[in-house]
Amino acid sequence: MEIYGILEKVRAQKPLVHHLTNWVTIYDCANIVKVLGASPVMAHAKEESGDMAKLASSLVLNIGTLTPEFIDSMKIAAKSANEKNIPIILDVCGAGATKLRDEKCFELLDNVKINIIKGNASEVARIAGENVQTKGVDASEVEKDLIEIAASLAKERDCTVVITGKEDIIADKDRHLIVKNGHELMSHVVGTGCMTTSVIGTFAAVENNLVNAAAAGLCCYEIAAELAAEETNGPGTFKEKLFDNIYNLNKEQIEKMQKVE
């Protein structure tokens, strides 16, 4: 697949990516979209979330710091996005940790069309109906085959499913890809998972094939992480270098370093 070509489209089209996202990581999510070359907006109020979604090229929903009222705003934005056929990415952050998170994930999935479901292994497994528990927002062990879980959920919900981890799985009802880029330092920085969702949303804004969009976004993001790790030895400066390397990422680096199967 042509990864750099999709990144070029992001940089050329500068899509507006609307977020209703995690308050803990909202600044980093805005920054990651900006350094990719796109335009972030974070309009959470239910009085305007739907209107803003109509202006955007994709919609990112993240339940990391959910409240019932926040979910109402998400549903309003999502219904507007559905009307305009704008792709919606749902980060099921913390699914499997509490009853409220599970209920609100299913409320969103049952009331609006979600195009991409993204989470770690235990979050996605819980949404797929497995009896697992998430440790806050950290993945716990899942015994069943993750590719099978992703493909089954993708078929059930008619969507693309992304399971992030040491190896990322991207699946729809017809095929799956594995992305093997990334670096261990990513797990030591709060927000890298939320930023991943924003990256996927940015690439989905310009690429209709959502499996390819998610894989390309993950690959670019994680190659930049590998490059950043070469320039630092700690999580603080790693995050700064991550933004720099995404901004400067070029075709030669991507073609040399990409690990997509």
C-alpha atoms as a PDB file:
ATOM      1  CA  MET A   1       0.000   0.000   0.000  1.00  0.00           C
ATOM      2  CA  GLU A   2       1.105   3.580  -0.694  1.00  0.00           C
ATOM      3  CA  ILE A   3       1.591   5.100   2.759  1.00  0.00           C
ATOM      4  CA  TYR A   4       3.421   8.288   1.862  1.00  0.00           C
ATOM      5  CA  GLY A   5       0.769   9.142  -0.727  1.00  0.00           C
ATOM      6  CA  ILE A   6      -1.905   9.286   1.975  1.00  0.00           C
ATOM      7  CA  LEU A   7       0.305  11.489   4.160  1.00  0.00           C
ATOM      8  CA  GLU A   8       0.793  13.775   1.156  1.00  0.00           C
ATOM      9  CA  LYS A   9      -2.980  14.056   0.794  1.00  0.00           C
ATOM     10  CA  VAL A  10      -3.259  15.104   4.452  1.00  0.00           C
ATOM     11  CA  ARG A  11      -0.625  17.778   3.954  1.00  0.00           C
ATOM     12  CA  ALA A  12      -2.201  19.024   0.720  1.00  0.00           C
ATOM     13  CA  GLN A  13      -5.879  18.952   1.749  1.00  0.00           C
ATOM     14  CA  LYS A  14      -5.408  20.088   5.377  1.00  0.00           C
ATOM     15  CA  PRO A  15      -8.682  18.487   6.518  1.00  0.00           C
ATOM     16  CA  LEU A  16     -10.631  19.728   9.528  1.00  0.00           C
ATOM     17  CA  VAL A  17     -10.738  16.987  12.174  1.00  0.00           C
ATOM     18  CA  HIS A  18     -13.447  17.534  14.783  1.00  0.00           C
ATOM     19  CA  HIS A  19     -12.841  16.047  18.236  1.00  0.00           C
ATOM     20  CA  LEU A  20     -14.968  15.315  21.252  1.00  0.00           C
ATOM     21  CA  THR A  21     -12.140  13.870  23.217  1.00  0.00           C
ATOM     22  CA  ASN A  22     -10.333  13.165  26.455  1.00  0.00           C
ATOM     23  CA  TRP A  23      -9.683  16.273  28.579  1.00  0.00           C
ATOM     24  CA  VAL A  24      -6.434  14.750  29.889  1.00  0.00           C
ATOM     25  CA  THR A  25      -4.882  14.581  26.412  1.00  0.00           C
ATOM     26  CA  ILE A  26      -6.809  17.142  24.373  1.00  0.00           C
ATOM     27  CA  TYR A  27      -3.814  19.474  23.879  1.00  0.00           C
ATOM     28  CA  ASP A  28      -1.630  16.651  22.569  1.00  0.00           C
ATOM     29  CA  CYS A  29      -4.398  15.445  20.257  1.00  0.00           C
ATOM     30  CA  ALA A  30      -4.692  18.927  18.771  1.00  0.00           C
ATOM     31  CA  ASN A  31      -0.924  19.131  18.327  1.00  0.00           C
ATOM     32  CA  ILE A  32      -0.570  15.761  16.625  1.00  0.00           C
ATOM     33  CA  VAL A  33      -3.209  16.690  14.050  1.00  0.00           C
ATOM     34  CA  LYS A  34      -1.550  20.052  13.471  1.00  0.00           C
ATOM     35  CA  VAL A  35       1.965  18.675  12.924  1.00  0.00           C
ATOM     36  CA  LEU A  36       0.568  16.164  10.425  1.00  0.00           C
ATOM     37  CA  GLY A  37      -0.599  19.145   8.396  1.00  0.00           C
ATOM     38  CA  ALA A  38      -4.320  19.015   9.191  1.00  0.00           C
ATOM     39  CA  SER A  39      -6.535  21.298  11.277  1.00  0.00           C
ATOM     40  CA  PRO A  40      -7.919  20.234  14.689  1.00  0.00           C
ATOM     41  CA  VAL A  41     -11.065  21.559  16.336  1.00  0.00           C
ATOM     42  CA  MET A  42     -12.490  20.593  19.725  1.00  0.00           C
ATOM     43  CA  ALA A  43     -16.137  21.668  20.047  1.00  0.00           C
ATOM     44  CA  HIS A  44     -17.688  19.808  22.982  1.00  0.00           C
ATOM     45  CA  ALA A  45     -20.878  21.783  23.709  1.00  0.00           C
ATOM     46  CA  LYS A  46     -24.017  20.030  22.534  1.00  0.00           C
ATOM     47  CA  GLU A  47     -25.281  23.392  21.244  1.00  0.00           C
ATOM     48  CA  GLU A  48     -22.578  23.418  18.550  1.00  0.00           C
ATOM     49  CA  SER A  49     -21.079  19.916  18.270  1.00  0.00           C
ATOM     50  CA  GLY A  50     -23.446  18.976  15.451  1.00  0.00           C
ATOM     51  CA  ASP A  51     -22.866  22.169  13.488  1.00  0.00           C
ATOM     52  CA  MET A  52     -19.100  21.767  13.769  1.00  0.00           C
ATOM     53  CA  ALA A  53     -19.270  18.158  12.602  1.00  0.00           C
ATOM     54  CA  LYS A  54     -20.922  19.330   9.379  1.00  0.00           C
ATOM     55  CA  LEU A  55     -17.845  21.427   8.600  1.00  0.00           C
ATOM     56  CA  ALA A  56     -15.332  18.659   9.282  1.00  0.00           C
ATOM     57  CA  SER A  57     -13.847  15.876   7.169  1.00  0.00           C
ATOM     58  CA  SER A  58     -13.798  13.382  10.051  1.00  0.00           C
ATOM     59  CA  LEU A  59     -15.055  13.091  13.621  1.00  0.00           C
ATOM     60  CA  VAL A  60     -13.020  11.676  16.524  1.00  0.00           C
ATOM     61  CA  LEU A  61     -14.868  10.507  19.646  1.00  0.00           C
ATOM     62  CA  ASN A  62     -12.912   9.491  22.750  1.00  0.00           C
ATOM     63  CA  ILE A  63     -14.651   8.453  25.978  1.00  0.00           C
ATOM     64  CA  GLY A  64     -11.544   8.803  28.161  1.00  0.00           C
ATOM     65  CA  THR A  65     -13.112  11.433  30.429  1.00  0.00           C
ATOM     66  CA  LEU A  66     -16.752  10.676  29.750  1.00  0.00           C
ATOM     67  CA  THR A  67     -19.851  12.020  31.448  1.00  0.00           C
ATOM     68  CA  PRO A  68     -23.445  11.253  30.401  1.00  0.00           C
ATOM     69  CA  GLU A  69     -23.805  14.821  29.142  1.00  0.00           C
ATOM     70  CA  PHE A  70     -20.637  14.460  27.062  1.00  0.00           C
ATOM     71  CA  ILE A  71     -22.059  11.350  25.403  1.00  0.00           C
ATOM     72  CA  ASP A  72     -25.154  13.392  24.458  1.00  0.00           C
ATOM     73  CA  SER A  73     -22.876  15.858  22.647  1.00  0.00           C
ATOM     74  CA  MET A  74     -21.128  12.958  20.917  1.00  0.00           C
ATOM     75  CA  LYS A  75     -24.425  11.554  19.652  1.00  0.00           C
ATOM     76  CA  ILE A  76     -25.464  14.945  18.271  1.00  0.00           C
ATOM     77  CA  ALA A  77     -22.122  15.352  16.475  1.00  0.00           C
ATOM     78  CA  ALA A  78     -22.192  11.778  15.203  1.00  0.00           C
ATOM     79  CA  LYS A  79     -25.686  12.086  13.764  1.00  0.00           C
ATOM     80  CA  SER A  80     -24.578  15.187  11.847  1.00  0.00           C
ATOM     81  CA  ALA A  81     -21.515  13.330  10.596  1.00  0.00           C
ATOM     82  CA  ASN A  82     -23.656  10.375   9.527  1.00  0.00           C
ATOM     83  CA  GLU A  83     -25.907  12.696   7.529  1.00  0.00           C
ATOM     84  CA  LYS A  84     -22.883  13.988   5.580  1.00  0.00           C
ATOM     85  CA  ASN A  85     -21.177  10.577   5.347  1.00  0.00           C
ATOM     86  CA  ILE A  86     -18.192  11.820   7.363  1.00  0.00           C
ATOM     87  CA  PRO A  87     -16.118   8.994   8.916  1.00  0.00           C
ATOM     88  CA  ILE A  88     -16.375   8.620  12.696  1.00  0.00           C
ATOM     89  CA  ILE A  89     -13.618   7.117  14.816  1.00  0.00           C
ATOM     90  CA  LEU A  90     -14.568   5.941  18.317  1.00  0.00           C
ATOM     91  CA  ASP A  91     -11.839   5.355  20.901  1.00  0.00           C
ATOM     92  CA  VAL A  92     -13.406   2.968  23.425  1.00  0.00           C
ATOM     93  CA  CYS A  93     -10.957   4.208  26.073  1.00  0.00           C
ATOM     94  CA  GLY A  94     -11.361   2.267  29.305  1.00  0.00           C
ATOM     95  CA  ALA A  95     -14.094  -0.058  28.035  1.00  0.00           C
ATOM     96  CA  GLY A  96     -14.175  -3.081  30.286  1.00  0.00           C
ATOM     97  CA  ALA A  97     -13.178  -1.044  33.357  1.00  0.00           C
ATOM     98  CA  THR A  98     -16.584   0.203  34.550  1.00  0.00           C
ATOM     99  CA  LYS A  99     -20.260  -0.390  33.868  1.00  0.00           C
ATOM    100  CA  LEU A 100     -20.747   3.239  32.752  1.00  0.00           C
ATOM    101  CA  ARG A 101     -18.039   3.031  30.096  1.00  0.00           C
ATOM    102  CA  ASP A 102     -19.435  -0.184  28.683  1.00  0.00           C
ATOM    103  CA  GLU A 103     -22.976   1.169  28.627  1.00  0.00           C
ATOM    104  CA  LYS A 104     -22.013   4.412  26.918  1.00  0.00           C
ATOM    105  CA  CYS A 105     -19.884   2.661  24.291  1.00  0.00           C
ATOM    106  CA  PHE A 106     -22.803   0.457  23.337  1.00  0.00           C
ATOM    107  CA  GLU A 107     -25.168   3.435  23.447  1.00  0.00           C
ATOM    108  CA  LEU A 108     -23.039   5.195  20.845  1.00  0.00           C
ATOM    109  CA  LEU A 109     -22.593   2.079  18.713  1.00  0.00           C
ATOM    110  CA  ASP A 110     -26.324   1.312  18.775  1.00  0.00           C
ATOM    111  CA  ASN A 111     -27.544   4.845  18.025  1.00  0.00           C
ATOM    112  CA  VAL A 112     -25.125   6.111  15.369  1.00  0.00           C
ATOM    113  CA  LYS A 113     -22.954   4.638  12.633  1.00  0.00           C
ATOM    114  CA  ILE A 114     -19.350   4.316  13.809  1.00  0.00           C
ATOM    115  CA  ASN A 115     -16.855   3.719  10.990  1.00  0.00           C
ATOM    116  CA  ILE A 116     -13.742   2.848  13.018  1.00  0.00           C
ATOM    117  CA  ILE A 117     -13.629   1.326  16.500  1.00  0.00           C
ATOM    118  CA  LYS A 118     -10.210   1.739  18.120  1.00  0.00           C
ATOM    119  CA  GLY A 119      -8.851   0.475  21.425  1.00  0.00           C
ATOM    120  CA  ASN A 120      -6.316  -1.760  23.086  1.00  0.00           C
ATOM    121  CA  ALA A 121      -6.777  -5.526  23.271  1.00  0.00           C
ATOM    122  CA  SER A 122      -9.017  -5.715  26.334  1.00  0.00           C
ATOM    123  CA  GLU A 123     -11.064  -2.628  25.398  1.00  0.00           C
ATOM    124  CA  VAL A 124     -11.921  -3.985  21.970  1.00  0.00           C
ATOM    125  CA  ALA A 125     -12.469  -7.493  23.317  1.00  0.00           C
ATOM    126  CA  ARG A 126     -15.015  -6.116  25.789  1.00  0.00           C
ATOM    127  CA  ILE A 127     -16.881  -4.303  23.012  1.00  0.00           C
ATOM    128  CA  ALA A 128     -16.821  -7.566  21.059  1.00  0.00           C
ATOM    129  CA  GLY A 129     -18.604  -9.272  23.961  1.00  0.00           C
ATOM    130  CA  GLU A 130     -15.681 -11.007  25.661  1.00  0.00           C
ATOM    131  CA  ASN A 131     -15.599 -11.318  29.443  1.00  0.00           C
ATOM    132  CA  VAL A 132     -12.485  -9.236  30.113  1.00  0.00           C
ATOM    133  CA  GLN A 133     -11.661  -6.362  32.434  1.00  0.00           C
ATOM    134  CA  THR A 134      -9.477  -3.383  31.576  1.00  0.00           C
ATOM    135  CA  LYS A 135      -7.069  -2.004  34.192  1.00  0.00           C
ATOM    136  CA  GLY A 136      -8.206   1.615  34.092  1.00  0.00           C
ATOM    137  CA  VAL A 137      -7.122   2.486  30.564  1.00  0.00           C
ATOM    138  CA  ASP A 138      -4.322  -0.097  30.347  1.00  0.00           C
ATOM    139  CA  ALA A 139      -4.791  -3.343  28.456  1.00  0.00           C
ATOM    140  CA  SER A 140      -5.210  -6.598  30.316  1.00  0.00           C
ATOM    141  CA  GLU A 141      -4.553 -10.015  28.847  1.00  0.00           C
ATOM    142  CA  VAL A 142      -6.986 -11.440  26.298  1.00  0.00           C
ATOM    143  CA  GLU A 143      -6.864 -15.186  25.725  1.00  0.00           C
ATOM    144  CA  LYS A 144      -8.709 -15.346  22.399  1.00  0.00           C
ATOM    145  CA  ASP A 145      -7.059 -14.614  19.046  1.00  0.00           C
ATOM    146  CA  LEU A 146      -7.043 -10.828  18.541  1.00  0.00           C
ATOM    147  CA  ILE A 147      -7.275 -10.981  14.757  1.00  0.00           C
ATOM    148  CA  GLU A 148     -10.358 -13.154  15.099  1.00  0.00           C
ATOM    149  CA  ILE A 149     -11.879 -10.736  17.620  1.00  0.00           C
ATOM    150  CA  ALA A 150     -11.195  -7.735  15.370  1.00  0.00           C
ATOM    151  CA  ALA A 151     -12.573  -9.411  12.249  1.00  0.00           C
ATOM    152  CA  SER A 152     -15.682 -10.660  14.062  1.00  0.00           C
ATOM    153  CA  LEU A 153     -16.465  -7.241  15.550  1.00  0.00           C
ATOM    154  CA  ALA A 154     -15.828  -5.569  12.186  1.00  0.00           C
ATOM    155  CA  LYS A 155     -18.341  -7.895  10.560  1.00  0.00           C
ATOM    156  CA  GLU A 156     -20.900  -7.507  13.352  1.00  0.00           C
ATOM    157  CA  ARG A 157     -20.749  -3.691  13.343  1.00  0.00           C
ATOM    158  CA  ASP A 158     -19.952  -3.247   9.618  1.00  0.00           C
ATOM    159  CA  CYS A 159     -16.914  -1.136  10.417  1.00  0.00           C
ATOM    160  CA  THR A 160     -13.127  -1.135  10.622  1.00  0.00           C
ATOM    161  CA  VAL A 161     -11.578  -2.259  13.911  1.00  0.00           C
ATOM    162  CA  VAL A 162      -8.157  -1.184  15.179  1.00  0.00           C
ATOM    163  CA  ILE A 163      -6.479  -2.992  18.089  1.00  0.00           C
ATOM    164  CA  THR A 164      -3.327  -1.212  19.218  1.00  0.00           C
ATOM    165  CA  GLY A 165      -0.438  -2.872  20.994  1.00  0.00           C
ATOM    166  CA  LYS A 166       3.085  -4.082  20.340  1.00  0.00           C
ATOM    167  CA  GLU A 167       1.694  -5.066  16.942  1.00  0.00           C
ATOM    168  CA  ASP A 168      -1.355  -3.166  15.690  1.00  0.00           C
ATOM    169  CA  ILE A 169      -4.220  -5.027  14.039  1.00  0.00           C
ATOM    170  CA  ILE A 170      -6.502  -3.314  11.527  1.00  0.00           C
ATOM    171  CA  ALA A 171      -9.426  -5.330  10.201  1.00  0.00           C
ATOM    172  CA  ASP A 172     -12.682  -5.019   8.329  1.00  0.00           C
ATOM    173  CA  LYS A 173     -15.004  -7.831   7.258  1.00  0.00           C
ATOM    174  CA  ASP A 174     -12.809  -8.699   4.244  1.00  0.00           C
ATOM    175  CA  ARG A 175      -9.152  -8.384   5.263  1.00  0.00           C
ATOM    176  CA  HIS A 176      -6.687  -7.384   7.931  1.00  0.00           C
ATOM    177  CA  LEU A 177      -3.299  -5.679   8.159  1.00  0.00           C
ATOM    178  CA  ILE A 178      -0.650  -5.777  10.874  1.00  0.00           C
ATOM    179  CA  VAL A 179       1.544  -2.755  11.630  1.00  0.00           C
ATOM    180  CA  LYS A 180       4.765  -3.624  13.466  1.00  0.00           C
ATOM    181  CA  ASN A 181       6.310  -0.185  13.852  1.00  0.00           C
ATOM    182  CA  GLY A 182       6.574   1.759  17.107  1.00  0.00           C
ATOM    183  CA  HIS A 183       8.791   2.021  20.159  1.00  0.00           C
ATOM    184  CA  GLU A 184       8.527   1.008  23.809  1.00  0.00           C
ATOM    185  CA  LEU A 185       8.905   4.636  24.962  1.00  0.00           C
ATOM    186  CA  MET A 186       5.390   5.309  23.652  1.00  0.00           C
ATOM    187  CA  SER A 187       4.010   3.327  26.585  1.00  0.00           C
ATOM    188  CA  HIS A 188       5.678   5.728  29.044  1.00  0.00           C
ATOM    189  CA  VAL A 189       3.949   8.885  27.760  1.00  0.00           C
ATOM    190  CA  VAL A 190       0.363   9.683  28.736  1.00  0.00           C
ATOM    191  CA  GLY A 191      -1.713  10.381  25.645  1.00  0.00           C
ATOM    192  CA  THR A 192       0.011   8.350  22.957  1.00  0.00           C
ATOM    193  CA  GLY A 193      -3.107   6.182  22.639  1.00  0.00           C
ATOM    194  CA  CYS A 194      -5.416   9.178  22.313  1.00  0.00           C
ATOM    195  CA  MET A 195      -3.038  10.735  19.809  1.00  0.00           C
ATOM    196  CA  THR A 196      -3.182   7.494  17.833  1.00  0.00           C
ATOM    197  CA  THR A 197      -6.940   7.936  17.481  1.00  0.00           C
ATOM    198  CA  SER A 198      -6.468  11.506  16.258  1.00  0.00           C
ATOM    199  CA  VAL A 199      -3.887  10.318  13.735  1.00  0.00           C
ATOM    200  CA  ILE A 200      -6.287   7.664  12.418  1.00  0.00           C
ATOM    201  CA  GLY A 201      -9.045  10.274  12.226  1.00  0.00           C
ATOM    202  CA  THR A 202      -6.767  12.592  10.256  1.00  0.00           C
ATOM    203  CA  PHE A 203      -5.873   9.930   7.693  1.00  0.00           C
ATOM    204  CA  ALA A 204      -9.503   8.766   7.442  1.00  0.00           C
ATOM    205  CA  ALA A 205     -10.415  12.337   6.523  1.00  0.00           C
ATOM    206  CA  VAL A 206      -8.592  11.993   3.180  1.00  0.00           C
ATOM    207  CA  GLU A 207      -8.651   8.246   2.422  1.00  0.00           C
ATOM    208  CA  ASN A 208     -11.917   6.373   1.791  1.00  0.00           C
ATOM    209  CA  ASN A 209     -10.389   2.929   2.307  1.00  0.00           C
ATOM    210  CA  LEU A 210     -10.427   2.980   6.097  1.00  0.00           C
ATOM    211  CA  VAL A 211      -8.185  -0.063   6.566  1.00  0.00           C
ATOM    212  CA  ASN A 212      -5.529   1.647   4.458  1.00  0.00           C
ATOM    213  CA  ALA A 213      -6.132   4.970   6.199  1.00  0.00           C
ATOM    214  CA  ALA A 214      -5.686   3.483   9.672  1.00  0.00           C
ATOM    215  CA  ALA A 215      -2.629   1.444   8.673  1.00  0.00           C
ATOM    216  CA  ALA A 216      -0.965   4.428   6.999  1.00  0.00           C
ATOM    217  CA  GLY A 217      -1.633   6.672   9.977  1.00  0.00           C
ATOM    218  CA  LEU A 218      -0.325   4.139  12.465  1.00  0.00           C
ATOM    219  CA  CYS A 219       2.746   3.474  10.347  1.00  0.00           C
ATOM    220  CA  CYS A 220       3.677   7.160   9.993  1.00  0.00           C
ATOM    221  CA  TYR A 221       3.061   7.873  13.673  1.00  0.00           C
ATOM    222  CA  GLU A 222       5.054   4.889  14.851  1.00  0.00           C
ATOM    223  CA  ILE A 223       7.954   5.436  12.437  1.00  0.00           C
ATOM    224  CA  ALA A 224       8.195   8.951  13.850  1.00  0.00           C
ATOM    225  CA  ALA A 225       8.281   7.389  17.334  1.00  0.00           C
ATOM    226  CA  GLU A 226      11.175   5.145  16.310  1.00  0.00           C
ATOM    227  CA  LEU A 227      13.061   8.138  14.940  1.00  0.00           C
ATOM    228  CA  ALA A 228      12.321  10.172  18.078  1.00  0.00           C
ATOM    229  CA  ALA A 229      13.609   7.371  20.296  1.00  0.00           C
ATOM    230  CA  GLU A 230      16.958   7.521  18.499  1.00  0.00           C
ATOM    231  CA  GLU A 231      17.335  11.155  19.584  1.00  0.00           C
ATOM    232  CA  THR A 232      16.464  10.835  23.278  1.00  0.00           C
ATOM    233  CA  ASN A 233      16.505   8.475  26.248  1.00  0.00           C
ATOM    234  CA  GLY A 234      13.496   9.614  28.279  1.00  0.00           C
ATOM    235  CA  PRO A 235       9.745  10.202  27.893  1.00  0.00           C
ATOM    236  CA  GLY A 236       9.781  13.998  28.278  1.00  0.00           C
ATOM    237  CA  THR A 237      12.071  14.842  25.380  1.00  0.00           C
ATOM    238  CA  PHE A 238      10.733  11.830  23.462  1.00  0.00           C
ATOM    239  CA  LYS A 239       7.352  13.540  23.176  1.00  0.00           C
ATOM    240  CA  GLU A 240       8.941  16.722  21.825  1.00  0.00           C
ATOM    241  CA  LYS A 241      10.972  14.750  19.304  1.00  0.00           C
ATOM    242  CA  LEU A 242       7.876  12.772  18.311  1.00  0.00           C
ATOM    243  CA  PHE A 243       6.128  15.950  17.152  1.00  0.00           C
ATOM    244  CA  ASP A 244       9.247  17.112  15.318  1.00  0.00           C
ATOM    245  CA  ASN A 245       9.690  13.816  13.485  1.00  0.00           C
ATOM    246  CA  ILE A 246       6.056  13.613  12.419  1.00  0.00           C
ATOM    247  CA  TYR A 247       6.294  17.141  11.034  1.00  0.00           C
ATOM    248  CA  ASN A 248       9.471  16.312   9.098  1.00  0.00           C
ATOM    249  CA  LEU A 249       8.583  12.751   8.044  1.00  0.00           C
ATOM    250  CA  ASN A 250       9.537  12.069   4.418  1.00  0.00           C
ATOM    251  CA  LYS A 251       8.991   9.450   1.742  1.00  0.00           C
ATOM    252  CA  GLU A 252      12.441   7.893   2.061  1.00  0.00           C
ATOM    253  CA  GLN A 253      12.028   7.308   5.806  1.00  0.00           C
ATOM    254  CA  ILE A 254       8.594   5.746   5.371  1.00  0.00           C
ATOM    255  CA  GLU A 255       9.616   3.444   2.520  1.00  0.00           C
ATOM    256  CA  LYS A 256      12.724   2.309   4.384  1.00  0.00           C
ATOM    257  CA  MET A 257      11.133   1.762   7.805  1.00  0.00           C
ATOM    258  CA  GLN A 258       7.509   0.728   7.222  1.00  0.00           C
ATOM    259  CA  LYS A 259       6.516  -2.667   8.630  1.00  0.00           C
ATOM    260  CA  VAL A 260       3.021  -3.411   7.340  1.00  0.00           C
ATOM    261  CA  GLU A 261       1.860  -6.958   6.604  1.00  0.00           C
END
